[in-house]
N, C-alpha and C. Protein backbone atom coordinates (compact mmCIF):
# COMPACT_ATOMS: atom_id res chain seq x y z
N MET A 1 -74.48 -27.29 5.88
CA MET A 1 -73.01 -26.68 5.91
C MET A 1 -73.06 -25.61 5.62
N ASN A 2 -72.77 -24.32 6.10
CA ASN A 2 -72.82 -23.00 5.55
C ASN A 2 -71.30 -22.76 5.20
N THR A 3 -70.77 -22.98 3.87
CA THR A 3 -69.49 -22.66 3.32
C THR A 3 -69.27 -21.23 2.54
N ILE A 4 -68.49 -20.79 2.59
CA ILE A 4 -67.91 -19.37 1.99
C ILE A 4 -66.26 -19.33 1.63
N ASP A 5 -65.97 -18.34 0.56
CA ASP A 5 -64.47 -18.30 0.59
C ASP A 5 -64.07 -17.03 1.09
N PRO A 6 -63.18 -17.58 2.13
CA PRO A 6 -62.44 -16.60 3.07
C PRO A 6 -61.86 -15.53 2.49
N GLU A 7 -61.47 -15.78 1.18
CA GLU A 7 -60.79 -14.66 0.79
C GLU A 7 -61.46 -13.39 0.31
N LYS A 8 -62.82 -13.50 0.19
CA LYS A 8 -63.80 -12.69 -0.30
C LYS A 8 -64.09 -11.68 0.92
N THR A 9 -63.75 -12.00 2.17
CA THR A 9 -64.42 -11.01 3.37
C THR A 9 -63.66 -9.79 3.13
N SER A 10 -64.35 -8.67 3.70
CA SER A 10 -63.96 -7.25 3.61
C SER A 10 -62.85 -7.21 4.59
N LEU A 11 -62.05 -6.19 4.23
CA LEU A 11 -61.02 -5.72 5.21
C LEU A 11 -61.19 -4.36 5.75
N LYS A 12 -62.42 -4.02 5.80
CA LYS A 12 -62.82 -2.96 6.58
C LYS A 12 -62.62 -3.03 7.73
N LEU A 13 -61.76 -2.35 8.75
CA LEU A 13 -61.59 -2.48 10.49
C LEU A 13 -62.36 -1.29 11.21
N ASP A 14 -62.73 -0.36 10.67
CA ASP A 14 -63.66 0.60 11.43
C ASP A 14 -65.09 0.10 11.92
N ILE A 15 -64.99 -0.74 13.08
CA ILE A 15 -66.02 -1.43 13.64
C ILE A 15 -66.60 -1.14 14.83
N VAL A 16 -67.75 -0.95 15.34
CA VAL A 16 -68.10 -0.84 16.43
C VAL A 16 -68.95 -2.16 16.79
N VAL A 17 -68.39 -2.43 18.14
CA VAL A 17 -69.18 -3.89 18.58
C VAL A 17 -70.31 -3.85 19.49
N GLU A 18 -71.36 -4.70 19.35
CA GLU A 18 -72.38 -4.44 20.12
C GLU A 18 -72.11 -4.85 21.68
N ARG A 19 -72.19 -4.32 22.54
CA ARG A 19 -72.15 -4.75 24.17
C ARG A 19 -73.23 -5.90 24.60
N THR A 20 -73.25 -6.83 24.01
CA THR A 20 -74.23 -7.83 24.22
C THR A 20 -74.08 -8.45 25.82
N SER A 21 -75.16 -8.93 26.38
CA SER A 21 -75.27 -9.38 27.86
C SER A 21 -74.79 -10.73 27.92
N THR A 22 -75.13 -11.63 26.73
CA THR A 22 -75.07 -12.94 26.77
C THR A 22 -74.33 -13.38 25.45
N PRO A 23 -73.15 -14.44 25.45
CA PRO A 23 -72.78 -14.64 24.47
C PRO A 23 -73.37 -15.73 23.26
N ARG A 24 -73.11 -15.62 22.19
CA ARG A 24 -73.86 -16.55 21.15
C ARG A 24 -73.39 -18.11 21.28
N GLU A 25 -74.45 -18.86 21.35
CA GLU A 25 -73.98 -20.20 21.54
C GLU A 25 -74.40 -21.16 20.44
N GLY A 26 -73.91 -22.20 20.26
CA GLY A 26 -74.19 -23.36 19.39
C GLY A 26 -73.52 -23.16 17.83
N ARG A 27 -73.70 -24.05 17.00
CA ARG A 27 -72.72 -23.83 15.91
C ARG A 27 -73.62 -23.94 14.52
N GLU A 28 -74.96 -24.08 14.74
CA GLU A 28 -75.74 -24.05 13.33
C GLU A 28 -75.58 -22.95 12.81
N ASN A 29 -75.36 -21.56 13.00
CA ASN A 29 -75.12 -20.56 12.29
C ASN A 29 -73.39 -20.37 11.71
N GLN A 30 -72.65 -21.21 12.34
CA GLN A 30 -71.30 -20.80 11.98
C GLN A 30 -70.94 -21.29 10.63
N VAL A 31 -69.92 -20.64 10.06
CA VAL A 31 -69.40 -20.92 8.59
C VAL A 31 -68.04 -21.68 8.49
N TYR A 32 -68.02 -22.36 7.17
CA TYR A 32 -66.99 -23.27 6.98
C TYR A 32 -66.43 -22.73 5.55
N SER A 33 -64.80 -23.02 5.30
CA SER A 33 -64.17 -22.64 4.06
C SER A 33 -64.91 -23.58 3.09
N SER A 34 -64.91 -22.91 1.87
CA SER A 34 -65.51 -23.73 0.65
C SER A 34 -64.28 -24.66 0.00
N LYS A 35 -62.99 -24.04 0.45
CA LYS A 35 -62.04 -24.83 -0.05
C LYS A 35 -61.72 -26.07 0.48
N ASP A 36 -61.84 -26.27 1.71
CA ASP A 36 -61.52 -27.85 2.52
C ASP A 36 -62.44 -27.76 3.86
N ASN A 37 -63.32 -27.00 3.75
CA ASN A 37 -64.38 -27.56 4.94
C ASN A 37 -63.84 -27.01 6.26
N ALA A 38 -62.93 -26.39 6.31
CA ALA A 38 -62.51 -25.85 7.57
C ALA A 38 -63.38 -24.83 8.32
N ARG A 39 -63.41 -25.14 9.67
CA ARG A 39 -64.38 -24.14 10.38
C ARG A 39 -63.63 -22.73 10.71
N LEU A 40 -64.02 -21.94 10.06
CA LEU A 40 -63.84 -20.55 10.32
C LEU A 40 -63.88 -19.67 11.47
N VAL A 41 -62.61 -19.39 12.22
CA VAL A 41 -62.44 -18.82 13.51
C VAL A 41 -61.70 -17.42 13.34
N ALA A 42 -62.55 -16.48 14.06
CA ALA A 42 -61.62 -15.12 14.13
C ALA A 42 -61.52 -14.87 15.73
N GLY A 43 -60.57 -14.05 15.93
CA GLY A 43 -60.34 -13.56 17.29
C GLY A 43 -59.29 -12.29 17.34
N GLY A 44 -59.00 -11.85 18.37
CA GLY A 44 -58.04 -10.82 18.69
C GLY A 44 -57.15 -10.90 19.43
N VAL A 45 -55.88 -10.44 19.08
CA VAL A 45 -54.55 -10.29 19.58
C VAL A 45 -54.46 -8.94 20.34
N ILE A 46 -54.86 -8.82 21.39
CA ILE A 46 -54.86 -7.34 22.49
C ILE A 46 -53.74 -7.13 22.90
N LEU A 47 -53.08 -6.10 22.40
CA LEU A 47 -51.90 -5.33 22.93
C LEU A 47 -52.34 -4.35 23.59
N ASP A 48 -51.26 -4.12 24.64
CA ASP A 48 -51.43 -2.61 25.44
C ASP A 48 -50.83 -1.28 24.87
N LYS A 49 -50.84 -0.48 25.14
CA LYS A 49 -50.40 0.75 24.10
C LYS A 49 -48.88 0.82 23.88
N GLU A 50 -47.94 -0.07 24.77
CA GLU A 50 -46.80 -0.02 24.62
C GLU A 50 -46.35 -1.29 23.99
N LYS A 51 -47.20 -2.01 23.54
CA LYS A 51 -47.10 -3.21 22.68
C LYS A 51 -45.96 -4.45 23.42
N LYS A 52 -46.35 -4.26 24.90
CA LYS A 52 -45.17 -5.17 25.65
C LYS A 52 -46.12 -6.09 26.23
N ARG A 53 -47.19 -6.00 26.57
CA ARG A 53 -48.39 -7.18 27.01
C ARG A 53 -49.34 -7.41 26.17
N VAL A 54 -49.80 -8.64 26.34
CA VAL A 54 -50.85 -9.08 25.57
C VAL A 54 -52.18 -9.42 26.58
N LEU A 55 -53.33 -9.55 26.50
CA LEU A 55 -54.26 -9.80 27.23
C LEU A 55 -54.81 -11.37 27.06
N LEU A 56 -54.81 -12.04 28.05
CA LEU A 56 -55.09 -13.61 27.85
C LEU A 56 -56.16 -13.74 28.67
N ILE A 57 -56.96 -14.94 28.45
CA ILE A 57 -58.27 -15.24 28.98
C ILE A 57 -58.00 -16.61 29.61
N SER A 58 -58.74 -17.06 30.50
CA SER A 58 -58.45 -18.54 31.09
C SER A 58 -59.44 -19.15 30.04
N SER A 59 -59.08 -20.55 29.99
CA SER A 59 -59.88 -21.35 29.07
C SER A 59 -61.36 -21.66 29.74
N SER A 60 -62.33 -21.84 29.15
CA SER A 60 -63.69 -22.05 30.03
C SER A 60 -63.68 -23.42 30.23
N LYS A 61 -62.84 -24.43 29.62
CA LYS A 61 -62.90 -26.30 30.16
C LYS A 61 -61.82 -26.27 31.12
N HIS A 62 -60.70 -25.39 30.82
CA HIS A 62 -59.35 -25.73 31.69
C HIS A 62 -59.32 -24.48 32.43
N LYS A 63 -59.43 -24.59 33.96
CA LYS A 63 -59.20 -22.95 34.45
C LYS A 63 -57.72 -22.84 34.24
N ASP A 64 -57.08 -23.71 34.34
CA ASP A 64 -55.28 -23.37 34.88
C ASP A 64 -54.66 -23.21 33.41
N ARG A 65 -55.29 -22.98 32.20
CA ARG A 65 -54.99 -22.69 30.92
C ARG A 65 -55.34 -21.40 30.26
N TRP A 66 -54.33 -20.78 29.62
CA TRP A 66 -54.62 -19.40 29.06
C TRP A 66 -54.56 -19.36 27.73
N ILE A 67 -55.32 -18.55 26.95
CA ILE A 67 -55.55 -18.50 25.75
C ILE A 67 -55.99 -17.02 24.96
N ILE A 68 -56.16 -16.99 23.96
CA ILE A 68 -56.28 -15.85 23.23
C ILE A 68 -57.72 -15.78 22.67
N PRO A 69 -58.58 -14.61 23.03
CA PRO A 69 -59.95 -14.88 22.69
C PRO A 69 -60.27 -15.27 21.30
N LYS A 70 -61.15 -16.05 20.77
CA LYS A 70 -61.26 -16.45 19.43
C LYS A 70 -62.70 -17.34 19.35
N GLY A 71 -63.33 -17.30 18.37
CA GLY A 71 -64.56 -18.32 18.22
C GLY A 71 -65.03 -18.41 16.81
N GLY A 72 -65.95 -18.94 16.62
CA GLY A 72 -66.49 -19.36 15.08
C GLY A 72 -67.07 -17.91 14.77
N ILE A 73 -67.00 -18.00 13.31
CA ILE A 73 -67.52 -17.01 12.49
C ILE A 73 -68.84 -17.43 11.92
N GLU A 74 -69.71 -16.38 12.14
CA GLU A 74 -71.29 -16.73 11.88
C GLU A 74 -71.64 -16.06 10.74
N LYS A 75 -72.90 -16.52 10.13
CA LYS A 75 -73.38 -16.19 9.00
C LYS A 75 -73.70 -14.69 8.86
N ASP A 76 -73.75 -13.82 10.00
CA ASP A 76 -73.86 -12.50 9.37
C ASP A 76 -72.75 -11.58 9.66
N GLU A 77 -71.68 -12.63 9.66
CA GLU A 77 -70.53 -11.84 10.05
C GLU A 77 -69.44 -12.31 8.69
N ILE A 78 -69.85 -12.97 7.76
CA ILE A 78 -69.22 -13.22 6.54
C ILE A 78 -68.88 -12.39 5.78
N ASP A 79 -69.40 -11.13 5.63
CA ASP A 79 -68.79 -9.90 4.96
C ASP A 79 -68.02 -9.45 5.40
N ASN A 80 -67.43 -9.66 6.85
CA ASN A 80 -66.15 -9.21 7.21
C ASN A 80 -66.02 -9.67 8.52
N PHE A 81 -64.97 -10.50 8.74
CA PHE A 81 -64.51 -11.09 9.77
C PHE A 81 -64.11 -10.58 10.70
N ALA A 82 -63.89 -9.24 10.72
CA ALA A 82 -63.49 -8.35 12.00
C ALA A 82 -64.64 -8.39 12.76
N LYS A 83 -65.85 -8.26 12.28
CA LYS A 83 -66.93 -8.56 13.35
C LYS A 83 -66.87 -9.42 14.29
N ALA A 84 -66.88 -10.74 13.60
CA ALA A 84 -66.75 -11.95 14.69
C ALA A 84 -65.57 -11.67 15.54
N ALA A 85 -64.25 -10.89 15.19
CA ALA A 85 -63.15 -11.30 15.85
C ALA A 85 -63.74 -10.11 17.27
N LEU A 86 -64.10 -8.84 16.99
CA LEU A 86 -64.38 -8.00 17.95
C LEU A 86 -65.51 -8.45 18.78
N ARG A 87 -66.86 -9.30 18.39
CA ARG A 87 -67.93 -9.81 19.20
C ARG A 87 -67.05 -10.92 20.30
N GLU A 88 -66.36 -11.85 19.66
CA GLU A 88 -66.01 -12.90 20.35
C GLU A 88 -64.77 -12.14 21.34
N THR A 89 -63.89 -11.15 21.02
CA THR A 89 -63.25 -10.49 22.14
C THR A 89 -64.07 -9.81 23.31
N TRP A 90 -65.03 -9.29 22.95
CA TRP A 90 -66.16 -8.90 24.06
C TRP A 90 -66.70 -9.87 24.79
N GLU A 91 -67.19 -10.93 24.21
CA GLU A 91 -67.89 -11.96 24.84
C GLU A 91 -67.09 -12.46 25.84
N GLU A 92 -65.80 -12.92 25.64
CA GLU A 92 -64.75 -13.77 26.18
C GLU A 92 -63.98 -12.99 27.05
N SER A 93 -63.53 -11.90 26.84
CA SER A 93 -62.51 -11.06 27.74
C SER A 93 -63.15 -9.46 28.47
N GLY A 94 -64.23 -9.16 27.85
CA GLY A 94 -65.02 -7.78 28.23
C GLY A 94 -63.92 -6.60 27.65
N ALA A 95 -63.52 -6.78 26.52
CA ALA A 95 -62.44 -5.70 26.12
C ALA A 95 -63.22 -5.40 24.95
N ILE A 96 -63.67 -3.84 24.91
CA ILE A 96 -63.95 -2.98 23.95
C ILE A 96 -62.36 -2.50 23.22
N CYS A 97 -62.49 -2.82 22.30
CA CYS A 97 -61.12 -2.87 21.39
C CYS A 97 -61.15 -1.96 19.75
N GLU A 98 -60.27 -1.45 19.53
CA GLU A 98 -60.19 -0.88 18.01
C GLU A 98 -59.13 -1.72 17.55
N ILE A 99 -59.42 -2.05 16.13
CA ILE A 99 -58.65 -2.92 15.24
C ILE A 99 -57.52 -2.14 14.86
N VAL A 100 -56.36 -2.79 14.93
CA VAL A 100 -54.93 -1.91 14.26
C VAL A 100 -54.70 -2.70 12.98
N LYS A 101 -54.78 -4.03 12.90
CA LYS A 101 -54.55 -4.50 11.48
C LYS A 101 -54.70 -5.87 11.63
N LYS A 102 -55.22 -6.52 10.20
CA LYS A 102 -55.47 -7.94 10.14
C LYS A 102 -54.05 -8.73 10.18
N LEU A 103 -54.06 -9.71 10.85
CA LEU A 103 -52.70 -10.58 10.90
C LEU A 103 -53.11 -11.80 9.61
N PRO A 104 -52.05 -12.20 9.24
CA PRO A 104 -52.24 -13.24 8.37
C PRO A 104 -52.81 -14.50 8.68
N SER A 105 -53.49 -15.20 7.91
CA SER A 105 -54.58 -16.32 8.51
C SER A 105 -53.45 -17.44 8.82
N ILE A 106 -54.10 -18.20 9.68
CA ILE A 106 -53.50 -19.41 10.11
C ILE A 106 -54.16 -20.48 9.77
N PRO A 107 -53.63 -21.77 9.14
CA PRO A 107 -54.25 -22.93 9.19
C PRO A 107 -54.13 -23.93 10.30
N ASP A 108 -55.08 -24.72 10.56
CA ASP A 108 -54.90 -25.50 11.40
C ASP A 108 -53.62 -26.32 11.74
N HIS A 109 -52.90 -26.19 12.95
CA HIS A 109 -51.45 -27.05 12.98
C HIS A 109 -51.84 -28.59 12.94
N ARG A 110 -53.18 -28.93 13.38
CA ARG A 110 -53.45 -30.57 13.34
C ARG A 110 -53.16 -31.00 11.77
N LYS A 111 -52.86 -30.23 11.01
CA LYS A 111 -52.68 -30.74 9.25
C LYS A 111 -51.52 -31.32 9.30
N ASP A 112 -50.54 -31.00 10.22
CA ASP A 112 -49.30 -31.44 10.20
C ASP A 112 -49.08 -32.63 11.19
N LEU A 113 -49.95 -33.05 11.54
CA LEU A 113 -49.93 -34.46 12.16
C LEU A 113 -50.23 -35.60 11.62
N LYS A 114 -49.59 -36.59 11.74
CA LYS A 114 -49.91 -38.01 11.22
C LYS A 114 -51.32 -38.62 11.78
N ILE A 115 -52.60 -38.43 11.02
CA ILE A 115 -53.82 -39.04 11.65
C ILE A 115 -54.09 -40.11 10.84
N ASP A 116 -54.49 -41.22 11.80
CA ASP A 116 -55.16 -42.19 11.30
C ASP A 116 -56.42 -42.25 10.84
N ASP A 117 -56.73 -42.46 9.60
CA ASP A 117 -57.88 -42.39 8.88
C ASP A 117 -58.83 -43.16 9.82
N SER A 118 -58.76 -44.11 10.17
CA SER A 118 -59.89 -44.72 11.04
C SER A 118 -60.04 -44.14 12.21
N LYS A 119 -59.43 -43.06 12.84
CA LYS A 119 -59.82 -42.54 13.90
C LYS A 119 -59.96 -40.64 13.53
N PRO A 120 -61.09 -40.50 13.06
CA PRO A 120 -61.18 -38.96 12.64
C PRO A 120 -61.05 -38.03 13.89
N LEU A 121 -60.65 -36.89 13.37
CA LEU A 121 -60.36 -36.01 14.63
C LEU A 121 -61.83 -35.49 15.43
N LYS A 122 -61.83 -35.36 16.79
CA LYS A 122 -62.79 -35.05 17.63
C LYS A 122 -63.37 -33.61 17.12
N TYR A 123 -62.60 -32.70 16.89
CA TYR A 123 -63.00 -31.40 16.30
C TYR A 123 -62.87 -31.18 14.97
N PRO A 124 -63.62 -30.27 13.97
CA PRO A 124 -63.24 -30.05 12.85
C PRO A 124 -61.90 -29.36 12.58
N LEU A 125 -61.22 -29.53 11.61
CA LEU A 125 -60.18 -28.41 11.33
C LEU A 125 -60.53 -26.93 11.19
N CYS A 126 -59.81 -25.99 11.69
CA CYS A 126 -59.95 -24.49 11.83
C CYS A 126 -59.02 -23.89 10.82
N GLU A 127 -59.67 -22.65 10.28
CA GLU A 127 -58.97 -21.83 9.88
C GLU A 127 -59.03 -20.32 10.50
N PHE A 128 -57.73 -20.11 10.99
CA PHE A 128 -57.82 -19.13 12.10
C PHE A 128 -57.46 -17.35 11.45
N HIS A 129 -58.36 -16.51 11.61
CA HIS A 129 -58.42 -15.08 11.24
C HIS A 129 -58.02 -14.26 12.39
N PHE A 130 -57.05 -13.54 12.96
CA PHE A 130 -56.69 -12.98 13.93
C PHE A 130 -56.09 -11.64 13.57
N TYR A 131 -56.83 -10.61 14.37
CA TYR A 131 -56.55 -9.40 14.37
C TYR A 131 -55.97 -8.53 15.48
N GLN A 132 -55.02 -7.86 15.15
CA GLN A 132 -54.05 -7.06 16.28
C GLN A 132 -55.20 -6.02 16.82
N MET A 133 -55.33 -5.74 17.96
CA MET A 133 -56.19 -4.57 18.46
C MET A 133 -55.48 -3.89 19.85
N THR A 134 -56.09 -2.72 20.07
CA THR A 134 -55.99 -2.04 21.25
C THR A 134 -56.93 -1.73 21.98
N PRO A 135 -57.12 -2.35 23.13
CA PRO A 135 -58.09 -1.89 24.12
C PRO A 135 -58.31 -0.56 24.65
N ILE A 136 -59.87 -0.24 24.29
CA ILE A 136 -60.26 1.03 24.69
C ILE A 136 -60.84 0.97 26.01
N GLN A 137 -61.34 0.05 26.51
CA GLN A 137 -61.80 -0.21 28.22
C GLN A 137 -62.00 -1.68 28.05
N LEU A 138 -61.79 -1.96 29.51
CA LEU A 138 -62.04 -3.30 29.82
C LEU A 138 -63.48 -3.20 30.78
N GLU A 139 -64.52 -3.89 30.59
CA GLU A 139 -65.57 -3.57 31.44
C GLU A 139 -65.42 -4.90 32.60
N GLN A 140 -66.02 -4.50 33.69
CA GLN A 140 -66.19 -5.22 34.76
C GLN A 140 -67.38 -6.36 34.71
N GLU A 141 -68.23 -6.25 34.05
CA GLU A 141 -68.76 -7.69 33.70
C GLU A 141 -69.00 -7.77 32.25
N TRP A 142 -69.02 -8.87 31.73
CA TRP A 142 -69.21 -9.26 30.37
C TRP A 142 -69.92 -10.52 30.11
N PRO A 143 -70.13 -10.94 29.11
CA PRO A 143 -70.93 -12.26 28.49
C PRO A 143 -70.42 -13.40 29.60
N GLU A 144 -69.13 -13.61 29.39
CA GLU A 144 -68.34 -15.03 29.89
C GLU A 144 -67.55 -14.48 31.31
N SER A 145 -68.00 -13.28 32.04
CA SER A 145 -67.15 -12.62 33.22
C SER A 145 -67.13 -13.55 34.22
N LYS A 146 -68.53 -15.02 34.48
CA LYS A 146 -68.42 -15.85 35.34
C LYS A 146 -67.59 -16.96 35.19
N SER A 147 -67.49 -17.12 33.87
CA SER A 147 -66.54 -18.37 33.55
C SER A 147 -65.33 -18.25 33.15
N ARG A 148 -64.62 -17.04 33.08
CA ARG A 148 -63.45 -16.61 32.63
C ARG A 148 -62.81 -15.82 33.44
N LEU A 149 -61.38 -16.02 33.55
CA LEU A 149 -60.62 -14.94 34.21
C LEU A 149 -59.76 -14.21 33.11
N ARG A 150 -59.01 -12.96 33.40
CA ARG A 150 -58.29 -12.32 32.39
C ARG A 150 -57.09 -11.83 32.83
N ARG A 151 -55.95 -11.68 32.09
CA ARG A 151 -54.77 -11.13 32.74
C ARG A 151 -53.89 -10.67 31.52
N TRP A 152 -53.17 -9.80 32.18
CA TRP A 152 -51.86 -9.17 31.18
C TRP A 152 -50.73 -10.31 31.32
N ALA A 153 -50.03 -10.47 30.25
CA ALA A 153 -48.75 -11.39 29.86
C ALA A 153 -47.90 -10.62 29.06
N ASN A 154 -46.47 -10.66 29.40
CA ASN A 154 -45.36 -10.04 28.47
C ASN A 154 -45.23 -11.41 27.60
N TYR A 155 -44.46 -11.23 26.21
CA TYR A 155 -44.48 -12.32 25.35
C TYR A 155 -43.83 -13.64 25.97
N GLU A 156 -42.95 -13.67 26.95
CA GLU A 156 -42.32 -14.85 27.26
C GLU A 156 -43.36 -15.44 28.02
N GLU A 157 -44.04 -14.66 29.01
CA GLU A 157 -45.16 -15.62 29.90
C GLU A 157 -46.27 -16.11 28.77
N ALA A 158 -46.52 -15.34 27.96
CA ALA A 158 -47.88 -15.80 27.00
C ALA A 158 -47.44 -16.95 26.39
N LYS A 159 -45.91 -16.85 25.76
CA LYS A 159 -45.68 -17.96 24.90
C LYS A 159 -45.71 -19.29 25.77
N HIS A 160 -45.29 -19.20 26.93
CA HIS A 160 -44.93 -20.35 28.05
C HIS A 160 -46.70 -20.79 28.29
N GLU A 161 -47.45 -19.73 28.45
CA GLU A 161 -49.13 -20.42 28.59
C GLU A 161 -49.66 -20.89 27.42
N LEU A 162 -49.28 -20.54 26.02
CA LEU A 162 -50.02 -20.97 24.89
C LEU A 162 -49.51 -22.27 24.80
N LEU A 163 -47.89 -22.66 24.88
CA LEU A 163 -47.34 -23.92 24.53
C LEU A 163 -47.98 -24.74 25.69
N LYS A 164 -48.21 -24.33 26.94
CA LYS A 164 -48.92 -25.27 27.83
C LYS A 164 -50.22 -25.79 27.39
N SER A 165 -50.94 -25.01 26.91
CA SER A 165 -52.20 -24.88 26.72
C SER A 165 -52.32 -25.62 25.33
N LYS A 166 -51.23 -25.97 24.52
CA LYS A 166 -50.85 -26.64 23.42
C LYS A 166 -52.00 -25.88 22.20
N ARG A 167 -51.46 -24.88 22.20
CA ARG A 167 -52.38 -23.97 21.31
C ARG A 167 -51.09 -23.14 20.55
N PRO A 168 -50.56 -23.93 19.51
CA PRO A 168 -49.43 -23.25 18.79
C PRO A 168 -49.91 -22.50 17.57
N GLU A 169 -51.33 -22.60 17.11
CA GLU A 169 -51.72 -21.70 16.32
C GLU A 169 -51.90 -20.16 17.01
N LEU A 170 -52.53 -20.03 18.12
CA LEU A 170 -52.42 -18.85 18.87
C LEU A 170 -50.95 -18.32 19.26
N LEU A 171 -49.95 -19.11 19.54
CA LEU A 171 -48.78 -18.73 19.43
C LEU A 171 -48.30 -18.00 18.47
N HIS A 172 -48.67 -18.74 17.15
CA HIS A 172 -48.46 -18.27 15.69
C HIS A 172 -48.90 -16.83 15.76
N ALA A 173 -50.15 -16.63 15.81
CA ALA A 173 -50.73 -15.41 15.83
C ALA A 173 -50.00 -14.19 16.72
N LEU A 174 -49.60 -14.77 17.87
CA LEU A 174 -49.13 -13.75 18.76
C LEU A 174 -47.63 -13.42 18.25
N ASP A 175 -46.97 -14.16 17.35
CA ASP A 175 -45.44 -14.19 16.90
C ASP A 175 -45.72 -13.12 15.85
N VAL A 176 -46.71 -13.29 15.03
CA VAL A 176 -46.88 -12.33 13.92
C VAL A 176 -47.39 -11.08 14.38
N SER A 177 -47.81 -10.69 15.47
CA SER A 177 -48.18 -9.29 15.82
C SER A 177 -46.95 -8.51 16.29
N ASP A 178 -47.13 -7.04 16.65
CA ASP A 178 -45.92 -6.41 17.13
C ASP A 178 -45.71 -6.54 18.41
N ILE A 179 -46.03 -7.38 19.00
CA ILE A 179 -45.64 -7.52 20.64
C ILE A 179 -44.03 -7.58 20.92
N VAL A 180 -43.59 -6.78 21.94
CA VAL A 180 -42.45 -6.40 21.76
C VAL A 180 -41.77 -7.79 22.51
N LYS A 181 -40.71 -8.67 21.94
CA LYS A 181 -39.90 -9.79 22.28
C LYS A 181 -38.95 -9.78 22.92
N ASN A 182 -38.27 -8.34 22.94
CA ASN A 182 -36.81 -8.34 23.50
C ASN A 182 -35.84 -8.87 22.92
N ASP A 183 -36.13 -9.44 21.80
CA ASP A 183 -35.02 -10.19 20.94
C ASP A 183 -34.99 -11.62 21.67
N ALA A 184 -35.72 -12.09 22.58
CA ALA A 184 -36.00 -13.28 22.73
C ALA A 184 -36.03 -14.41 22.01
N GLU A 185 -35.17 -15.35 22.06
CA GLU A 185 -34.99 -16.57 21.21
C GLU A 185 -36.68 -17.32 21.26
N LEU A 186 -37.16 -17.72 19.94
CA LEU A 186 -38.51 -18.26 19.93
C LEU A 186 -38.36 -19.64 20.57
N LEU A 187 -39.15 -20.22 21.31
CA LEU A 187 -38.90 -21.70 21.72
C LEU A 187 -39.44 -22.37 20.57
N GLU A 188 -38.75 -23.52 20.51
CA GLU A 188 -39.31 -24.52 19.50
C GLU A 188 -40.19 -25.47 20.08
N TYR A 189 -41.06 -25.90 19.19
CA TYR A 189 -41.79 -27.16 19.77
C TYR A 189 -42.13 -28.16 18.51
N ASP A 190 -42.43 -29.20 18.81
CA ASP A 190 -42.35 -30.21 17.79
C ASP A 190 -44.30 -30.33 17.50
N SER A 191 -44.45 -31.27 16.38
CA SER A 191 -45.97 -31.22 16.10
C SER A 191 -46.82 -31.95 17.22
N ASN A 192 -46.27 -32.50 18.06
CA ASN A 192 -47.08 -32.94 19.45
C ASN A 192 -47.06 -31.56 20.48
N ASN A 193 -46.74 -30.80 20.20
CA ASN A 193 -46.81 -29.15 21.09
C ASN A 193 -45.97 -29.39 22.42
N HIS A 194 -44.91 -30.59 22.39
CA HIS A 194 -43.98 -30.42 23.28
C HIS A 194 -42.71 -29.65 23.14
N MET A 195 -42.32 -28.69 24.24
CA MET A 195 -41.46 -27.75 24.37
C MET A 195 -39.91 -28.74 24.25
N ILE A 196 -39.11 -28.17 23.62
CA ILE A 196 -37.98 -29.17 23.38
C ILE A 196 -36.55 -28.39 23.50
N ASP A 197 -36.68 -27.12 24.12
CA ASP A 197 -35.43 -26.66 23.93
C ASP A 197 -35.37 -25.57 25.56
N ALA A 198 -36.43 -25.56 26.12
CA ALA A 198 -36.49 -25.15 27.36
C ALA A 198 -37.57 -25.64 28.44
N GLU A 199 -37.26 -25.28 29.63
CA GLU A 199 -38.15 -25.91 30.87
C GLU A 199 -39.23 -25.23 31.24
N LEU A 200 -40.51 -25.54 31.57
CA LEU A 200 -41.49 -24.58 31.73
C LEU A 200 -41.26 -23.92 33.24
N GLU A 201 -41.64 -22.72 33.26
CA GLU A 201 -41.46 -21.57 34.40
C GLU A 201 -42.66 -22.02 34.96
N ILE A 202 -42.59 -21.75 36.63
CA ILE A 202 -43.74 -21.81 37.32
C ILE A 202 -44.76 -20.66 37.41
N ASP A 203 -45.83 -20.81 37.13
CA ASP A 203 -46.63 -19.88 36.97
C ASP A 203 -46.87 -18.91 38.58
N ASP A 204 -46.66 -17.48 38.26
CA ASP A 204 -46.71 -16.73 39.61
C ASP A 204 -47.24 -15.19 39.40
N TYR A 205 -48.65 -15.34 38.60
CA TYR A 205 -48.91 -13.93 38.45
C TYR A 205 -50.51 -14.06 38.62
N ASP A 206 -51.08 -12.88 38.75
CA ASP A 206 -52.70 -13.11 39.17
C ASP A 206 -53.20 -12.37 37.74
N HIS A 207 -54.65 -12.70 37.85
CA HIS A 207 -55.50 -11.98 36.63
C HIS A 207 -55.72 -10.53 36.67
N ILE A 208 -55.95 -10.12 35.35
CA ILE A 208 -55.62 -8.38 35.34
C ILE A 208 -57.05 -7.96 36.25
N GLU A 209 -57.02 -6.67 36.79
CA GLU A 209 -58.33 -6.35 37.62
C GLU A 209 -58.92 -5.42 36.52
N PRO A 210 -59.97 -5.74 36.67
CA PRO A 210 -61.00 -4.77 35.69
C PRO A 210 -60.82 -3.45 35.87
N SER A 211 -61.20 -2.71 34.91
CA SER A 211 -60.80 -1.12 34.96
C SER A 211 -62.32 -0.53 35.66
N THR A 212 -62.43 0.68 36.40
CA THR A 212 -63.35 1.07 37.07
C THR A 212 -63.96 2.04 36.27
């Protein structure tokens, strides 16, 4: 297992992403925290210039669920997690971005659940490192363009989708970004990700059209 101290990564943000044609696959080169062996994950909260919308991508496993681009940090990216964030953003969404700032790290929300020791988690715990980004260009073809859709969503729409996808850590990243919330009251959710103070709205919006 490749372990590192996440606090020692560089905060340099002016990085140029390589426009690869295929995504990286497998976990043999991914790294884990030396503190608790959590898998280190990086991603991008991509906001439009007005900061009113965030770019969402469809889950590769569940086409009706929408998430934020993210993925495992690899050994050649341990000096600066922003490299992994930009790479994953490109591979999964086709967005070429510039980083605005690093957001606070987020622990795996499953740590808050009561877990039966006799039934280990199906997936390892993760530690999330998100960066707020501004898109420079959206390419028509990207490494995962055949398996993912993408679309813009305002805060309320994105909040609804991330809760529906049971990804509170992604909603946390969106909440600490600069996206305009219109003073909307944040939805409450319990440790099982059930919404407890609002009804789910009906989805009725298309994926984003690629730029020409």
